[in-house]
Amino acid sequence: MEKIYSEHQKECTLVRSGADTVRFLLNFSRSLHVIEYKDLKFENILN
C-alpha cells in the first residue's frame, strides 16, 4: 500500500481552504443526522 501512495504523491497539490469554507463544513456536519433502520439509511439535515 505504501508503494501506491508514494507513486502518486508528486501529482498531488495541496489546496488551502478559507475560514468560511471550514465553518460551513462544520455547521453542515453538525446538522446532518443519519438514522439506520434495518437495511435503510435516512439522512436528515436539520436547519
PDB file of N, CA and C in Angstrom:
ATOM      1  N   MET A   1       0.824  -1.186   0.000  1.00  0.00           N
ATOM      2  CA  MET A   1       0.000   0.000   0.000  1.00  0.00           C
ATOM      3  C   MET A   1       0.870   1.252   0.000  1.00  0.00           C
ATOM      4  N   GLU A   2       1.999   1.194   0.624  1.00  0.00           N
ATOM      5  CA  GLU A   2       2.900   2.340   0.652  1.00  0.00           C
ATOM      6  C   GLU A   2       3.358   2.711  -0.749  1.00  0.00           C
ATOM      7  N   LYS A   3       3.563   1.714  -1.604  1.00  0.00           N
ATOM      8  CA  LYS A   3       4.009   1.970  -2.968  1.00  0.00           C
ATOM      9  C   LYS A   3       2.954   2.738  -3.755  1.00  0.00           C
ATOM     10  N   ILE A   4       1.692   2.424  -3.532  1.00  0.00           N
ATOM     11  CA  ILE A   4       0.614   3.103  -4.259  1.00  0.00           C
ATOM     12  C   ILE A   4       0.624   4.590  -3.955  1.00  0.00           C
ATOM     13  N   TYR A   5       0.728   4.940  -2.683  1.00  0.00           N
ATOM     14  CA  TYR A   5       0.679   6.345  -2.300  1.00  0.00           C
ATOM     15  C   TYR A   5       1.955   7.087  -2.683  1.00  0.00           C
ATOM     16  N   SER A   6       3.090   6.432  -2.587  1.00  0.00           N
ATOM     17  CA  SER A   6       4.340   7.116  -2.908  1.00  0.00           C
ATOM     18  C   SER A   6       4.480   7.370  -4.404  1.00  0.00           C
ATOM     19  N   GLU A   7       3.852   6.565  -5.250  1.00  0.00           N
ATOM     20  CA  GLU A   7       3.927   6.781  -6.689  1.00  0.00           C
ATOM     21  C   GLU A   7       3.153   8.024  -7.123  1.00  0.00           C
ATOM     22  N   HIS A   8       2.020   8.290  -6.500  1.00  0.00           N
ATOM     23  CA  HIS A   8       1.158   9.384  -6.914  1.00  0.00           C
ATOM     24  C   HIS A   8       1.351  10.646  -6.075  1.00  0.00           C
ATOM     25  N   GLN A   9       2.279  10.643  -5.168  1.00  0.00           N
ATOM     26  CA  GLN A   9       2.460  11.779  -4.279  1.00  0.00           C
ATOM     27  C   GLN A   9       2.926  13.022  -5.033  1.00  0.00           C
ATOM     28  N   LYS A  10       3.706  12.872  -6.070  1.00  0.00           N
ATOM     29  CA  LYS A  10       4.219  14.011  -6.815  1.00  0.00           C
ATOM     30  C   LYS A  10       3.130  14.684  -7.645  1.00  0.00           C
ATOM     31  N   GLU A  11       2.071  13.962  -7.976  1.00  0.00           N
ATOM     32  CA  GLU A  11       0.983  14.503  -8.785  1.00  0.00           C
ATOM     33  C   GLU A  11      -0.011  15.313  -7.959  1.00  0.00           C
ATOM     34  N   CYS A  12      -0.001  15.179  -6.648  1.00  0.00           N
ATOM     35  CA  CYS A  12      -0.963  15.844  -5.781  1.00  0.00           C
ATOM     36  C   CYS A  12      -0.483  17.243  -5.417  1.00  0.00           C
ATOM     37  N   THR A  13      -1.431  18.165  -5.307  1.00  0.00           N
ATOM     38  CA  THR A  13      -1.123  19.507  -4.845  1.00  0.00           C
ATOM     39  C   THR A  13      -2.002  19.814  -3.649  1.00  0.00           C
ATOM     40  N   LEU A  14      -1.493  20.576  -2.711  1.00  0.00           N
ATOM     41  CA  LEU A  14      -2.242  20.947  -1.525  1.00  0.00           C
ATOM     42  C   LEU A  14      -3.129  22.141  -1.841  1.00  0.00           C
ATOM     43  N   VAL A  15      -4.322  22.128  -1.287  1.00  0.00           N
ATOM     44  CA  VAL A  15      -5.275  23.205  -1.503  1.00  0.00           C
ATOM     45  C   VAL A  15      -5.579  23.830  -0.157  1.00  0.00           C
ATOM     46  N   ARG A  16      -5.525  25.131  -0.098  1.00  0.00           N
ATOM     47  CA  ARG A  16      -5.853  25.847   1.136  1.00  0.00           C
ATOM     48  C   ARG A  16      -7.341  26.191   1.131  1.00  0.00           C
ATOM     49  N   SER A  17      -7.950  26.077   2.286  1.00  0.00           N
ATOM     50  CA  SER A  17      -9.362  26.437   2.397  1.00  0.00           C
ATOM     51  C   SER A  17      -9.482  27.646   3.314  1.00  0.00           C
ATOM     52  N   GLY A  18     -10.492  28.438   3.052  1.00  0.00           N
ATOM     53  CA  GLY A  18     -10.717  29.628   3.857  1.00  0.00           C
ATOM     54  C   GLY A  18     -11.511  29.314   5.110  1.00  0.00           C
ATOM     55  N   ALA A  19     -11.575  30.291   5.983  1.00  0.00           N
ATOM     56  CA  ALA A  19     -12.306  30.121   7.244  1.00  0.00           C
ATOM     57  C   ALA A  19     -13.796  29.908   6.991  1.00  0.00           C
ATOM     58  N   ASP A  20     -14.338  30.568   5.958  1.00  0.00           N
ATOM     59  CA  ASP A  20     -15.758  30.400   5.647  1.00  0.00           C
ATOM     60  C   ASP A  20     -16.074  28.972   5.216  1.00  0.00           C
ATOM     61  N   THR A  21     -15.190  28.373   4.446  1.00  0.00           N
ATOM     62  CA  THR A  21     -15.396  27.003   3.986  1.00  0.00           C
ATOM     63  C   THR A  21     -15.375  26.030   5.163  1.00  0.00           C
ATOM     64  N   VAL A  22     -14.429  26.206   6.061  1.00  0.00           N
ATOM     65  CA  VAL A  22     -14.321  25.333   7.234  1.00  0.00           C
ATOM     66  C   VAL A  22     -15.545  25.493   8.115  1.00  0.00           C
ATOM     67  N   ARG A  23     -15.990  26.729   8.321  1.00  0.00           N
ATOM     68  CA  ARG A  23     -17.168  26.991   9.144  1.00  0.00           C
ATOM     69  C   ARG A  23     -18.406  26.343   8.530  1.00  0.00           C
ATOM     70  N   PHE A  24     -18.559  26.454   7.204  1.00  0.00           N
ATOM     71  CA  PHE A  24     -19.699  25.840   6.520  1.00  0.00           C
ATOM     72  C   PHE A  24     -19.693  24.329   6.696  1.00  0.00           C
ATOM     73  N   LEU A  25     -18.534  23.684   6.507  1.00  0.00           N
ATOM     74  CA  LEU A  25     -18.460  22.230   6.638  1.00  0.00           C
ATOM     75  C   LEU A  25     -18.729  21.769   8.059  1.00  0.00           C
ATOM     76  N   LEU A  26     -18.240  22.505   9.046  1.00  0.00           N
ATOM     77  CA  LEU A  26     -18.504  22.135  10.436  1.00  0.00           C
ATOM     78  C   LEU A  26     -19.981  22.281  10.773  1.00  0.00           C
ATOM     79  N   ASN A  27     -20.598  23.356  10.332  1.00  0.00           N
ATOM     80  CA  ASN A  27     -22.027  23.546  10.593  1.00  0.00           C
ATOM     81  C   ASN A  27     -22.861  22.493   9.885  1.00  0.00           C
ATOM     82  N   PHE A  28     -22.477  22.146   8.665  1.00  0.00           N
ATOM     83  CA  PHE A  28     -23.206  21.120   7.930  1.00  0.00           C
ATOM     84  C   PHE A  28     -23.092  19.768   8.624  1.00  0.00           C
ATOM     85  N   SER A  29     -21.901  19.422   9.087  1.00  0.00           N
ATOM     86  CA  SER A  29     -21.727  18.123   9.741  1.00  0.00           C
ATOM     87  C   SER A  29     -22.475  18.063  11.068  1.00  0.00           C
ATOM     88  N   ARG A  30     -22.627  19.203  11.735  1.00  0.00           N
ATOM     89  CA  ARG A  30     -23.399  19.216  12.977  1.00  0.00           C
ATOM     90  C   ARG A  30     -24.888  19.025  12.717  1.00  0.00           C
ATOM     91  N   SER A  31     -25.373  19.523  11.579  1.00  0.00           N
ATOM     92  CA  SER A  31     -26.800  19.452  11.307  1.00  0.00           C
ATOM     93  C   SER A  31     -27.208  18.146  10.618  1.00  0.00           C
ATOM     94  N   LEU A  32     -26.254  17.362  10.156  1.00  0.00           N
ATOM     95  CA  LEU A  32     -26.556  16.120   9.453  1.00  0.00           C
ATOM     96  C   LEU A  32     -26.742  14.979  10.451  1.00  0.00           C
ATOM     97  N   HIS A  33     -27.873  14.320  10.355  1.00  0.00           N
ATOM     98  CA  HIS A  33     -28.156  13.168  11.208  1.00  0.00           C
ATOM     99  C   HIS A  33     -28.533  11.991  10.318  1.00  0.00           C
ATOM    100  N   VAL A  34     -27.893  10.860  10.574  1.00  0.00           N
ATOM    101  CA  VAL A  34     -28.165   9.646   9.801  1.00  0.00           C
ATOM    102  C   VAL A  34     -28.841   8.639  10.722  1.00  0.00           C
ATOM    103  N   ILE A  35     -29.991   8.156  10.270  1.00  0.00           N
ATOM    104  CA  ILE A  35     -30.758   7.169  11.030  1.00  0.00           C
ATOM    105  C   ILE A  35     -30.754   5.875  10.226  1.00  0.00           C
ATOM    106  N   GLU A  36     -30.342   4.793  10.872  1.00  0.00           N
ATOM    107  CA  GLU A  36     -30.324   3.489  10.212  1.00  0.00           C
ATOM    108  C   GLU A  36     -31.474   2.646  10.747  1.00  0.00           C
ATOM    109  N   TYR A  37     -32.245   2.092   9.828  1.00  0.00           N
ATOM    110  CA  TYR A  37     -33.355   1.213  10.180  1.00  0.00           C
ATOM    111  C   TYR A  37     -33.284  -0.002   9.278  1.00  0.00           C
ATOM    112  N   LYS A  38     -32.990  -1.129   9.877  1.00  0.00           N
ATOM    113  CA  LYS A  38     -32.780  -2.376   9.147  1.00  0.00           C
ATOM    114  C   LYS A  38     -31.709  -2.162   8.077  1.00  0.00           C
ATOM    115  N   ASP A  39     -32.046  -2.297   6.798  1.00  0.00           N
ATOM    116  CA  ASP A  39     -31.058  -2.104   5.733  1.00  0.00           C
ATOM    117  C   ASP A  39     -31.144  -0.722   5.095  1.00  0.00           C
ATOM    118  N   LEU A  40     -31.897   0.184   5.696  1.00  0.00           N
ATOM    119  CA  LEU A  40     -32.110   1.513   5.119  1.00  0.00           C
ATOM    120  C   LEU A  40     -31.356   2.568   5.917  1.00  0.00           C
ATOM    121  N   LYS A  41     -30.922   3.602   5.218  1.00  0.00           N
ATOM    122  CA  LYS A  41     -30.311   4.756   5.881  1.00  0.00           C
ATOM    123  C   LYS A  41     -31.093   6.004   5.495  1.00  0.00           C
ATOM    124  N   PHE A  42     -31.465   6.775   6.493  1.00  0.00           N
ATOM    125  CA  PHE A  42     -32.167   8.026   6.276  1.00  0.00           C
ATOM    126  C   PHE A  42     -31.251   9.165   6.721  1.00  0.00           C
ATOM    127  N   GLU A  43     -31.042  10.112   5.812  1.00  0.00           N
ATOM    128  CA  GLU A  43     -30.205  11.266   6.120  1.00  0.00           C
ATOM    129  C   GLU A  43     -31.087  12.488   6.281  1.00  0.00           C
ATOM    130  N   ASN A  44     -30.972  13.143   7.426  1.00  0.00           N
ATOM    131  CA  ASN A  44     -31.765  14.349   7.699  1.00  0.00           C
ATOM    132  C   ASN A  44     -30.820  15.519   7.922  1.00  0.00           C
ATOM    133  N   ILE A  45     -31.129  16.627   7.280  1.00  0.00           N
ATOM    134  CA  ILE A  45     -30.381  17.851   7.531  1.00  0.00           C
ATOM    135  C   ILE A  45     -31.296  18.773   8.302  1.00  0.00           C
ATOM    136  N   LEU A  46     -30.940  19.059   9.541  1.00  0.00           N
ATOM    137  CA  LEU A  46     -31.753  19.883  10.402  1.00  0.00           C
ATOM    138  C   LEU A  46     -31.314  21.337  10.270  1.00  0.00           C
ATOM    139  N   ASN A  47     -32.247  22.175   9.885  1.00  0.00           N
ATOM    140  CA  ASN A  47     -31.950  23.612   9.766  1.00  0.00           C
ATOM    141  C   ASN A  47     -32.519  24.352  10.931  1.00  0.00           C
TER     142      ASN A  47
END
